[in-house]
N, C-alpha and C. Protein backbone atom coordinates (compact mmCIF):
# COMPACT_ATOMS: atom_id res chain seq x y z
N MET A 1 -21.69 -19.77 7.77
CA MET A 1 -20.79 -18.85 7.38
C MET A 1 -19.06 -20.05 7.01
N PHE A 2 -19.26 -20.84 8.30
CA PHE A 2 -18.12 -21.77 8.12
C PHE A 2 -18.33 -22.53 7.32
N PHE A 3 -19.20 -23.31 7.03
CA PHE A 3 -19.38 -24.05 5.47
C PHE A 3 -19.28 -23.62 4.65
N GLY A 4 -19.33 -22.43 4.11
CA GLY A 4 -19.02 -21.79 3.26
C GLY A 4 -17.69 -22.05 2.84
N THR A 5 -16.72 -21.28 3.97
CA THR A 5 -15.27 -21.44 3.70
C THR A 5 -14.98 -22.66 3.54
N VAL A 6 -15.44 -23.65 4.11
CA VAL A 6 -15.14 -24.91 4.33
C VAL A 6 -15.04 -25.65 2.65
N ILE A 7 -16.53 -25.03 2.28
CA ILE A 7 -16.48 -25.50 0.52
C ILE A 7 -15.21 -24.45 -0.18
N GLY A 8 -15.44 -23.40 0.08
CA GLY A 8 -14.14 -22.74 -0.85
C GLY A 8 -12.50 -23.17 -0.90
N PHE A 9 -11.97 -23.47 0.31
CA PHE A 9 -11.43 -24.38 0.79
C PHE A 9 -10.99 -25.68 -0.05
N VAL A 10 -11.86 -26.38 -0.11
CA VAL A 10 -11.80 -27.60 -0.86
C VAL A 10 -11.95 -27.28 -2.46
N GLY A 11 -12.74 -26.23 -2.88
CA GLY A 11 -12.89 -26.30 -4.06
C GLY A 11 -11.34 -25.67 -4.70
N SER A 12 -10.75 -25.24 -3.59
CA SER A 12 -9.26 -24.57 -3.76
C SER A 12 -8.51 -25.54 -3.97
N ALA A 13 -8.55 -26.41 -2.98
CA ALA A 13 -7.81 -27.87 -3.33
C ALA A 13 -7.92 -28.29 -4.58
N PHE A 14 -8.85 -28.75 -4.79
CA PHE A 14 -9.01 -29.20 -6.01
C PHE A 14 -8.64 -28.59 -7.24
N LEU A 15 -8.41 -27.20 -7.20
CA LEU A 15 -8.25 -26.86 -8.34
C LEU A 15 -6.65 -26.90 -8.59
N VAL A 16 -5.89 -26.76 -7.51
CA VAL A 16 -4.63 -26.73 -7.31
C VAL A 16 -4.20 -27.99 -7.61
N ILE A 17 -4.81 -28.96 -7.44
CA ILE A 17 -4.48 -30.39 -7.34
C ILE A 17 -4.47 -30.89 -9.14
N ALA A 18 -5.66 -30.25 -9.67
CA ALA A 18 -5.67 -30.39 -11.14
C ALA A 18 -4.82 -29.89 -12.05
N VAL A 19 -4.15 -28.85 -11.29
CA VAL A 19 -2.95 -28.23 -12.68
C VAL A 19 -2.15 -29.49 -12.29
N LEU A 20 -1.62 -29.20 -13.87
CA LEU A 20 -0.51 -30.37 -14.07
C LEU A 20 0.74 -29.26 -14.54
N LEU A 21 1.82 -29.60 -13.64
CA LEU A 21 3.05 -28.62 -14.11
C LEU A 21 3.91 -29.56 -14.79
N SER A 22 5.06 -29.03 -15.63
CA SER A 22 6.40 -29.46 -15.97
C SER A 22 7.11 -29.81 -14.85
N SER A 23 7.93 -31.06 -14.91
CA SER A 23 9.05 -30.74 -13.51
C SER A 23 9.91 -30.08 -14.12
N PRO A 24 10.54 -29.41 -13.40
CA PRO A 24 12.05 -28.30 -13.94
C PRO A 24 12.93 -29.29 -13.95
N PRO A 25 14.36 -28.71 -14.36
CA PRO A 25 15.44 -29.87 -14.37
C PRO A 25 15.83 -29.58 -12.94
N PRO A 26 16.61 -30.48 -12.75
CA PRO A 26 17.03 -30.10 -11.10
C PRO A 26 18.54 -29.26 -11.05
N THR A 27 18.35 -28.37 -9.95
CA THR A 27 19.42 -27.55 -10.16
C THR A 27 20.68 -27.68 -8.79
N ALA A 28 21.54 -26.83 -8.42
CA ALA A 28 22.32 -27.09 -7.56
C ALA A 28 21.86 -26.60 -6.07
N HIS A 29 21.48 -27.11 -5.27
CA HIS A 29 20.95 -26.70 -4.08
C HIS A 29 21.69 -25.46 -3.64
N ARG A 30 20.79 -24.23 -3.30
CA ARG A 30 20.91 -23.09 -2.52
C ARG A 30 20.68 -22.89 -1.25
N GLY A 31 21.25 -22.73 -0.61
CA GLY A 31 21.06 -22.26 1.22
C GLY A 31 19.48 -21.19 1.13
N ILE A 32 19.09 -20.82 2.18
CA ILE A 32 17.93 -20.04 2.38
C ILE A 32 18.41 -18.54 1.97
N TYR A 33 19.42 -18.09 2.65
CA TYR A 33 19.80 -16.83 2.17
C TYR A 33 20.06 -16.64 1.03
N ASP A 34 21.00 -17.55 -0.09
CA ASP A 34 20.81 -17.20 -0.99
C ASP A 34 19.65 -16.90 -2.23
N ARG A 35 18.66 -17.60 -1.76
CA ARG A 35 17.62 -17.65 -2.49
C ARG A 35 16.78 -16.64 -1.98
N THR A 36 16.64 -16.52 -0.64
CA THR A 36 15.89 -15.35 -0.55
C THR A 36 16.38 -13.87 -0.95
N MET A 37 17.96 -13.77 -0.68
CA MET A 37 18.91 -12.49 -1.65
C MET A 37 18.31 -12.28 -2.75
N ARG A 38 18.50 -13.48 -3.47
CA ARG A 38 17.97 -13.24 -4.85
C ARG A 38 16.75 -12.87 -5.20
N GLY A 39 15.72 -13.36 -4.79
CA GLY A 39 14.75 -12.95 -4.85
C GLY A 39 14.04 -11.67 -4.82
N ILE A 40 14.74 -11.27 -3.83
CA ILE A 40 15.03 -9.78 -3.18
C ILE A 40 15.45 -8.83 -4.44
N TRP A 41 16.66 -9.21 -4.66
CA TRP A 41 17.18 -8.72 -5.60
C TRP A 41 16.51 -8.38 -7.26
N ILE A 42 16.15 -9.56 -7.46
CA ILE A 42 15.15 -9.70 -8.96
C ILE A 42 14.00 -8.77 -8.78
N TYR A 43 13.31 -8.76 -7.30
CA TYR A 43 12.22 -8.01 -6.96
C TYR A 43 12.10 -6.40 -7.33
N LEU A 44 13.76 -5.85 -6.73
CA LEU A 44 14.13 -4.46 -6.43
C LEU A 44 14.40 -4.21 -7.89
N ALA A 45 14.84 -5.16 -8.68
CA ALA A 45 15.72 -4.88 -9.71
C ALA A 45 14.52 -4.69 -11.21
N THR A 46 13.62 -5.18 -10.81
CA THR A 46 12.27 -5.07 -11.69
C THR A 46 11.71 -3.23 -11.82
N PRO A 47 11.46 -3.10 -12.51
CA PRO A 47 10.61 -1.33 -12.41
C PRO A 47 9.50 -1.73 -11.87
N ARG A 48 8.53 -2.49 -12.80
CA ARG A 48 7.33 -2.93 -12.25
C ARG A 48 7.09 -3.36 -10.97
N LEU A 49 8.02 -4.62 -10.48
CA LEU A 49 7.90 -5.03 -9.47
C LEU A 49 8.20 -3.87 -8.08
N ARG A 50 8.89 -3.06 -8.65
CA ARG A 50 9.09 -2.10 -7.43
C ARG A 50 8.17 -1.15 -7.21
N GLY A 51 7.35 -0.66 -8.14
CA GLY A 51 5.85 0.28 -8.26
C GLY A 51 5.35 -0.74 -7.84
N LEU A 52 4.83 -2.07 -7.74
CA LEU A 52 3.79 -3.17 -7.02
C LEU A 52 4.55 -2.77 -5.70
N LEU A 53 5.46 -3.23 -5.29
CA LEU A 53 6.16 -3.16 -3.83
C LEU A 53 5.78 -1.85 -3.13
N SER A 54 5.53 -0.85 -3.46
CA SER A 54 5.14 0.38 -3.25
C SER A 54 3.73 0.42 -2.80
N LEU A 55 3.19 -0.29 -3.66
CA LEU A 55 1.32 -0.24 -3.77
C LEU A 55 1.23 -0.96 -2.59
N ASN A 56 1.48 -2.08 -2.64
CA ASN A 56 1.48 -3.26 -1.34
C ASN A 56 2.09 -2.70 0.10
N LEU A 57 3.26 -2.10 0.42
CA LEU A 57 3.38 -1.21 1.16
C LEU A 57 2.45 -0.19 2.02
N ALA A 58 1.79 0.29 0.58
CA ALA A 58 0.79 1.63 0.95
C ALA A 58 -0.66 1.01 1.46
N ALA A 59 -0.54 -0.46 0.89
CA ALA A 59 -1.97 -1.15 1.05
C ALA A 59 -2.02 -1.74 2.50
N ALA A 60 -0.65 -2.22 2.83
CA ALA A 60 -0.56 -2.88 3.70
C ALA A 60 -0.78 -1.74 5.19
N ALA A 61 0.18 -0.53 4.83
CA ALA A 61 -0.03 0.68 5.83
C ALA A 61 -1.70 0.63 6.31
N ALA A 62 -2.56 1.00 5.18
CA ALA A 62 -4.03 1.32 5.39
C ALA A 62 -4.42 0.08 6.13
N GLY A 63 -4.00 -1.13 5.86
CA GLY A 63 -4.87 -2.32 6.59
C GLY A 63 -4.17 -2.61 7.94
N ALA A 64 -3.17 -2.33 8.10
CA ALA A 64 -2.34 -2.13 9.87
C ALA A 64 -3.36 -1.16 10.54
N MET A 65 -3.52 -0.05 9.66
CA MET A 65 -4.42 1.27 10.24
C MET A 65 -5.79 0.52 11.07
N VAL A 66 -6.21 -0.08 10.01
CA VAL A 66 -7.82 -0.40 10.05
C VAL A 66 -7.82 -1.57 11.06
N SER A 67 -6.44 -2.65 10.79
CA SER A 67 -6.71 -3.77 11.90
C SER A 67 -6.40 -3.40 13.48
N VAL A 68 -5.49 -2.56 13.74
CA VAL A 68 -4.98 -1.70 14.93
C VAL A 68 -6.03 -1.22 15.88
N ASN A 69 -6.55 -0.15 14.87
CA ASN A 69 -7.47 0.77 15.45
C ASN A 69 -8.97 0.64 15.51
N THR A 70 -9.84 -0.14 14.58
CA THR A 70 -11.17 -0.41 14.36
C THR A 70 -11.57 -0.99 15.67
N VAL A 71 -10.58 -2.09 16.49
CA VAL A 71 -11.50 -2.47 17.93
C VAL A 71 -11.48 -1.24 18.52
N PHE A 72 -10.37 -0.56 19.01
CA PHE A 72 -10.25 0.91 19.83
C PHE A 72 -11.61 1.65 19.62
N LEU A 73 -11.16 1.78 18.38
CA LEU A 73 -12.61 3.07 17.78
C LEU A 73 -13.60 2.67 18.06
N VAL A 74 -14.09 1.49 17.46
CA VAL A 74 -15.64 1.04 17.50
C VAL A 74 -16.05 1.20 19.21
N ARG A 75 -15.33 0.19 20.01
CA ARG A 75 -15.31 0.21 21.37
C ARG A 75 -15.46 1.38 22.08
N SER A 76 -14.32 2.28 22.18
CA SER A 76 -14.25 3.23 23.23
C SER A 76 -14.99 4.80 22.46
N ASP A 77 -14.47 4.89 21.27
CA ASP A 77 -14.66 6.22 20.82
C ASP A 77 -15.91 6.39 20.44
N LEU A 78 -16.85 5.21 20.00
CA LEU A 78 -18.52 4.92 19.48
C LEU A 78 -18.90 4.27 20.52
N GLY A 79 -18.43 3.68 21.65
CA GLY A 79 -19.27 3.30 22.59
C GLY A 79 -20.25 2.02 22.37
N LEU A 80 -19.47 1.04 21.39
CA LEU A 80 -20.11 -0.04 20.55
C LEU A 80 -19.81 -1.47 21.03
N GLY A 81 -20.39 -2.24 20.61
CA GLY A 81 -20.18 -3.60 21.20
C GLY A 81 -19.16 -4.68 20.08
N ASP A 82 -19.05 -6.22 20.69
CA ASP A 82 -18.45 -6.56 19.74
C ASP A 82 -19.20 -7.02 18.38
N ALA A 83 -20.47 -7.25 18.07
CA ALA A 83 -20.77 -6.91 17.15
C ALA A 83 -20.90 -6.03 15.97
N HIS A 84 -20.69 -4.93 16.81
CA HIS A 84 -20.01 -3.68 15.81
C HIS A 84 -19.05 -3.75 15.42
N VAL A 85 -17.96 -4.23 16.27
CA VAL A 85 -16.66 -4.31 15.64
C VAL A 85 -16.69 -5.37 14.19
N ALA A 86 -17.22 -6.69 14.20
CA ALA A 86 -17.24 -7.35 13.57
C ALA A 86 -17.79 -6.96 12.22
N ILE A 87 -18.88 -6.06 12.49
CA ILE A 87 -19.69 -5.47 11.24
C ILE A 87 -18.58 -4.16 10.73
N ALA A 88 -18.24 -3.55 11.55
CA ALA A 88 -16.74 -2.54 10.89
C ALA A 88 -15.63 -3.53 10.26
N LEU A 89 -15.14 -4.22 10.76
CA LEU A 89 -14.20 -5.03 9.91
C LEU A 89 -14.81 -5.68 8.88
N GLY A 90 -15.97 -6.18 8.81
CA GLY A 90 -16.88 -6.71 7.76
C GLY A 90 -17.06 -5.79 6.52
N ALA A 91 -17.24 -4.33 7.01
CA ALA A 91 -17.16 -3.33 5.91
C ALA A 91 -16.08 -2.78 5.32
N PHE A 92 -15.01 -3.01 6.12
CA PHE A 92 -13.61 -2.74 5.69
C PHE A 92 -13.03 -3.67 4.43
N GLY A 93 -13.64 -4.93 4.75
CA GLY A 93 -13.02 -5.87 3.91
C GLY A 93 -14.08 -6.36 2.80
N GLY A 94 -15.04 -5.88 2.95
CA GLY A 94 -15.92 -6.17 1.66
C GLY A 94 -15.32 -4.48 0.90
N GLY A 95 -15.67 -3.56 1.36
CA GLY A 95 -14.68 -2.44 0.64
C GLY A 95 -13.79 -2.42 -0.02
N SER A 96 -12.41 -3.14 0.59
CA SER A 96 -11.34 -3.42 -0.09
C SER A 96 -11.78 -4.50 -1.70
N MET A 97 -12.25 -5.64 -0.96
CA MET A 97 -12.64 -6.52 -2.02
C MET A 97 -13.42 -5.72 -3.78
N LEU A 98 -14.46 -5.00 -3.26
CA LEU A 98 -15.16 -4.28 -3.98
C LEU A 98 -14.26 -3.46 -5.13
N ALA A 99 -13.31 -2.11 -4.25
CA ALA A 99 -12.40 -1.91 -5.27
C ALA A 99 -11.48 -2.72 -5.70
N ALA A 100 -10.80 -3.71 -5.09
CA ALA A 100 -9.86 -4.57 -6.32
C ALA A 100 -10.99 -5.37 -7.19
N LEU A 101 -12.54 -5.62 -7.37
CA LEU A 101 -12.79 -5.88 -8.27
C LEU A 101 -13.07 -4.97 -9.21
N LEU A 102 -13.46 -3.58 -8.54
CA LEU A 102 -13.72 -3.02 -9.51
C LEU A 102 -12.84 -1.64 -10.55
N LEU A 103 -11.85 -1.80 -9.47
CA LEU A 103 -10.55 -1.25 -9.90
C LEU A 103 -9.77 -1.21 -11.54
N ARG A 104 -9.82 -2.07 -11.65
CA ARG A 104 -9.63 -2.53 -13.28
C ARG A 104 -10.69 -1.92 -14.35
N ARG A 105 -11.77 -2.16 -13.81
CA ARG A 105 -12.97 -1.32 -14.81
C ARG A 105 -12.62 -0.06 -14.86
N LEU A 106 -12.64 0.49 -13.97
CA LEU A 106 -12.54 2.09 -13.31
C LEU A 106 -11.26 2.68 -14.20
N LEU A 107 -10.10 1.84 -14.13
CA LEU A 107 -8.93 2.28 -14.90
C LEU A 107 -9.24 2.10 -16.26
N ASP A 108 -9.71 1.34 -16.75
CA ASP A 108 -9.66 1.59 -18.22
C ASP A 108 -10.95 2.28 -18.66
N ASN A 109 -12.16 2.74 -18.33
CA ASN A 109 -13.03 3.34 -18.23
C ASN A 109 -12.82 5.19 -18.16
N TYR A 110 -12.20 5.26 -17.27
CA TYR A 110 -11.91 6.67 -16.69
C TYR A 110 -10.36 6.95 -16.80
N TYR A 111 -10.14 7.95 -17.04
CA TYR A 111 -8.69 8.45 -17.35
C TYR A 111 -8.43 9.91 -16.75
N LEU A 112 -7.69 10.11 -16.25
CA LEU A 112 -7.24 11.76 -15.98
C LEU A 112 -6.12 12.13 -17.25
N PRO A 113 -6.53 13.43 -17.65
CA PRO A 113 -5.68 14.33 -18.80
C PRO A 113 -3.63 14.04 -18.19
N GLY A 114 -3.39 14.17 -19.10
CA GLY A 114 -2.02 13.96 -18.51
C GLY A 114 -1.68 15.38 -17.64
N ASP A 115 -2.20 16.34 -18.27
CA ASP A 115 -1.81 17.80 -17.43
C ASP A 115 -2.39 17.68 -16.47
N LEU A 116 -3.63 17.07 -16.03
CA LEU A 116 -4.32 16.72 -14.70
C LEU A 116 -3.54 16.22 -13.75
N GLU A 117 -2.93 14.94 -14.19
CA GLU A 117 -2.06 14.61 -13.31
C GLU A 117 -0.70 15.23 -12.48
N ARG A 118 -0.44 16.05 -13.78
CA ARG A 118 0.87 16.60 -13.03
C ARG A 118 0.63 17.84 -12.34
N GLN A 119 -1.09 18.38 -12.23
CA GLN A 119 -1.38 19.30 -11.67
C GLN A 119 -1.59 19.06 -10.30
N ILE A 120 -2.25 17.47 -10.18
CA ILE A 120 -2.85 17.36 -9.05
C ILE A 120 -1.40 16.82 -8.16
N GLY A 121 -0.26 16.29 -8.73
CA GLY A 121 0.93 16.01 -8.37
C GLY A 121 1.71 16.99 -7.70
N ALA A 122 1.81 18.48 -8.57
CA ALA A 122 2.39 19.95 -7.92
C ALA A 122 1.66 20.29 -7.12
N PHE A 123 0.37 20.06 -6.80
CA PHE A 123 -0.59 20.43 -5.65
C PHE A 123 0.20 20.03 -4.56
N VAL A 124 -0.13 18.65 -4.52
CA VAL A 124 0.49 17.98 -3.37
C VAL A 124 1.82 18.06 -3.04
N GLU A 125 2.50 18.48 -4.08
CA GLU A 125 3.96 18.63 -3.37
C GLU A 125 4.27 20.20 -2.88
N TYR A 126 3.89 20.99 -3.52
CA TYR A 126 3.70 22.21 -2.83
C TYR A 126 2.80 22.33 -1.29
N ASP A 127 1.64 21.57 -1.22
CA ASP A 127 1.13 21.57 0.27
C ASP A 127 1.98 21.00 1.18
N ASN A 128 2.64 20.02 0.69
CA ASN A 128 3.88 19.06 1.44
C ASN A 128 4.67 20.35 1.92
N ASN A 129 5.34 20.90 0.75
CA ASN A 129 6.67 21.28 0.96
C ASN A 129 6.13 23.45 1.82
N GLN A 130 5.34 23.26 1.63
CA GLN A 130 4.70 24.35 2.18
C GLN A 130 4.76 24.42 3.85
N ARG A 131 3.93 23.39 4.20
CA ARG A 131 3.93 22.90 5.78
C ARG A 131 4.99 22.83 6.16
N TYR A 132 5.92 21.54 5.52
CA TYR A 132 7.68 21.56 5.92
C TYR A 132 8.39 23.03 6.16
N HIS A 133 8.25 23.78 4.96
CA HIS A 133 9.06 24.94 5.21
C HIS A 133 8.27 26.02 6.17
N GLU A 134 7.26 26.22 6.76
CA GLU A 134 6.73 26.51 7.52
C GLU A 134 7.20 26.43 9.02
N SER A 135 7.35 24.74 9.11
CA SER A 135 8.00 24.66 10.46
C SER A 135 9.80 25.24 10.45
N LEU A 136 10.34 25.38 9.38
CA LEU A 136 11.56 25.66 9.29
C LEU A 136 11.76 27.06 9.22
N ASN A 137 10.91 27.66 9.52
CA ASN A 137 10.68 29.73 9.09
C ASN A 137 11.12 29.63 7.46
N ASN A 138 10.39 28.78 6.63
CA ASN A 138 10.28 28.86 5.50
C ASN A 138 12.21 28.81 4.90
N GLY A 139 12.94 27.96 5.13
CA GLY A 139 14.28 27.47 5.05
C GLY A 139 14.10 25.94 4.82
N THR A 140 15.05 25.43 3.40
CA THR A 140 14.67 24.15 3.50
C THR A 140 16.25 23.33 4.31
N PRO A 141 16.01 21.83 4.48
CA PRO A 141 17.09 21.88 5.53
C PRO A 141 18.42 21.66 4.74
N ALA A 142 18.27 22.06 3.21
CA ALA A 142 19.44 22.18 2.55
C ALA A 142 20.11 24.05 2.92
N ASP A 143 19.35 24.86 3.17
CA ASP A 143 19.39 26.33 3.34
C ASP A 143 20.00 26.39 4.76
N PHE A 144 19.53 25.48 5.63
CA PHE A 144 20.07 25.42 7.47
C PHE A 144 21.67 24.86 7.16
N TYR A 145 21.83 23.75 6.36
CA TYR A 145 23.00 22.79 6.06
C TYR A 145 24.11 23.95 5.73
N VAL A 146 23.69 24.43 4.88
CA VAL A 146 25.16 25.40 3.91
C VAL A 146 24.75 26.58 4.45
N GLY A 147 24.39 27.18 5.64
CA GLY A 147 23.87 28.75 6.30
C GLY A 147 23.50 29.61 5.75
N ARG A 148 22.47 29.42 4.59
CA ARG A 148 21.78 30.13 3.79
C ARG A 148 20.24 30.44 4.09
N ASP A 149 20.04 29.87 5.75
CA ASP A 149 19.28 30.48 6.26
C ASP A 149 18.79 31.85 6.67
N LYS A 150 19.54 32.46 7.05
CA LYS A 150 19.35 33.80 7.60
C LYS A 150 19.31 34.43 6.22
N ALA A 151 20.15 34.36 5.22
CA ALA A 151 19.84 35.19 3.97
C ALA A 151 18.62 35.11 3.61
N ILE A 152 17.96 33.87 3.49
CA ILE A 152 16.48 34.07 2.84
C ILE A 152 15.61 34.26 3.59
N LEU A 153 15.62 34.47 5.29
CA LEU A 153 14.89 35.42 5.86
C LEU A 153 15.00 36.75 5.89
N ARG A 154 15.95 37.06 5.66
CA ARG A 154 16.47 38.67 5.26
C ARG A 154 15.71 38.86 3.82
N GLU A 155 15.46 38.48 2.97
CA GLU A 155 15.29 38.52 1.96
C GLU A 155 13.63 38.42 1.86
N ARG A 156 12.95 37.82 2.55
CA ARG A 156 11.63 38.21 2.69
C ARG A 156 10.94 38.57 3.64
């Protein structure tokens, strides 16, 4: 396995070296803060990149849960050893690679009708709101803020 990784890195290095890039014209030197902030503003100002940022955050959150909890769950809850932890982490990695490779084909071949997408979104919103409102006696935070919570409870 290590030898295969070495071959992959060496192959990647050769591909990177083989690329010919034109040299950009020299620009005024900017500090790290200016360059970082400019990059962040460009990223946040582009709608497609904002969506990509949210998807990356969701994927990172799921990946963090896997990385943090796999060892604990496999060892303590399942009572298995180190080899099983490695198998579980490998299965998660293989599943994420498979999803990344197949996602484009799935999105091209299958689609949800526009109405179904709206219905799924409405159901998720209703379910989340229902749980939240039950914890607030069916009043929203705005109702509590302006003092309408008691009137709403009397109506129901």
